[in-house]
Amino acid sequence: MPTFEESLKKLEIIVDQLEKGDMPLENSLKLFEEGVALSAVCKEELETAEGKVQLLIRQRDGALKTEKFPADKSS
């Protein structure tokens, strides 16, 4: 299974190829489908990583407390 970085790089290559618009429709559709699948994989990995990110909050008594990093749902 490719890493997140490898999947993202492949997705960037696919986007570049599709933007050129110089390939047959059938090839473009295959690349588009591959891109959609890679995008889903990247999104899932990002969501997993987001769930693991935590903030350390210093409380008034000086103790540290961990909290989940707030997700920005506005985008």
Protein backbone atom coordinates (compact mmCIF):
# COMPACT_ATOMS: atom_id res chain seq x y z
CA MET A 1 0.00 0.00 0.00
CA PRO A 2 1.47 3.37 -0.97
CA THR A 3 2.18 6.02 1.62
CA PHE A 4 0.10 9.17 1.89
CA GLU A 5 2.89 11.14 0.22
CA GLU A 6 3.12 8.66 -2.67
CA SER A 7 -0.65 8.73 -3.18
CA LEU A 8 -0.70 12.52 -3.12
CA LYS A 9 2.16 12.74 -5.63
CA LYS A 10 0.40 10.30 -7.97
CA LEU A 11 -2.78 12.34 -7.63
CA GLU A 12 -0.88 15.51 -8.58
CA ILE A 13 0.52 13.76 -11.67
CA ILE A 14 -2.95 12.62 -12.69
CA VAL A 15 -4.35 16.14 -12.31
CA ASP A 16 -1.53 17.53 -14.44
CA GLN A 17 -2.17 14.94 -17.15
CA LEU A 18 -5.92 15.59 -17.15
CA GLU A 19 -5.43 19.37 -17.28
CA LYS A 20 -3.36 19.02 -20.47
CA GLY A 21 -6.41 17.53 -22.18
CA ASP A 22 -4.34 15.80 -24.87
CA MET A 23 -5.35 12.17 -24.38
CA PRO A 24 -8.28 10.10 -25.62
CA LEU A 25 -11.48 10.25 -23.61
CA GLU A 26 -11.22 6.61 -22.50
CA ASN A 27 -7.74 7.20 -21.03
CA SER A 28 -8.94 10.40 -19.36
CA LEU A 29 -11.82 8.54 -17.72
CA LYS A 30 -9.48 5.83 -16.41
CA LEU A 31 -7.16 8.46 -14.96
CA PHE A 32 -10.11 10.32 -13.46
CA GLU A 33 -11.35 7.14 -11.75
CA GLU A 34 -7.86 6.46 -10.40
CA GLY A 35 -7.67 10.04 -9.15
CA VAL A 36 -11.00 9.78 -7.35
CA ALA A 37 -9.84 6.58 -5.63
CA LEU A 38 -6.52 8.18 -4.61
CA SER A 39 -8.37 11.22 -3.32
CA ALA A 40 -10.55 9.02 -1.12
CA VAL A 41 -7.48 7.21 0.26
CA CYS A 42 -5.75 10.52 1.04
CA LYS A 43 -8.89 11.91 2.70
CA GLU A 44 -9.23 8.83 4.90
CA GLU A 45 -5.59 9.01 5.95
CA LEU A 46 -5.92 12.71 6.79
CA GLU A 47 -9.02 12.06 8.88
CA THR A 48 -7.19 9.29 10.75
CA ALA A 49 -4.23 11.56 11.42
CA GLU A 50 -6.54 14.38 12.52
CA GLY A 51 -8.05 12.09 15.15
CA LYS A 52 -4.60 11.45 16.59
CA VAL A 53 -3.57 15.08 16.90
CA GLN A 54 -3.90 16.42 20.40
CA LEU A 55 -3.18 19.71 22.09
CA LEU A 56 -1.39 20.08 25.36
CA ILE A 57 -3.19 22.65 27.50
CA ARG A 58 -1.52 24.11 30.57
CA GLN A 59 -4.05 24.40 33.35
CA ARG A 60 -4.02 27.10 36.03
CA ASP A 61 -2.31 24.78 38.50
CA GLY A 62 0.54 24.24 36.03
CA ALA A 63 -0.47 20.71 35.13
CA LEU A 64 -0.69 19.71 31.49
CA LYS A 65 -3.89 18.28 30.08
CA THR A 66 -4.39 16.79 26.61
CA GLU A 67 -7.38 17.64 24.46
CA LYS A 68 -8.31 16.66 20.93
CA PHE A 69 -7.36 19.22 18.33
CA PRO A 70 -10.54 20.97 17.19
CA ALA A 71 -11.42 20.05 13.60
CA ASP A 72 -12.28 22.90 11.27
CA LYS A 73 -15.57 21.80 9.73
CA SER A 74 -16.12 25.07 7.83
CA SER A 75 -14.22 23.93 4.70
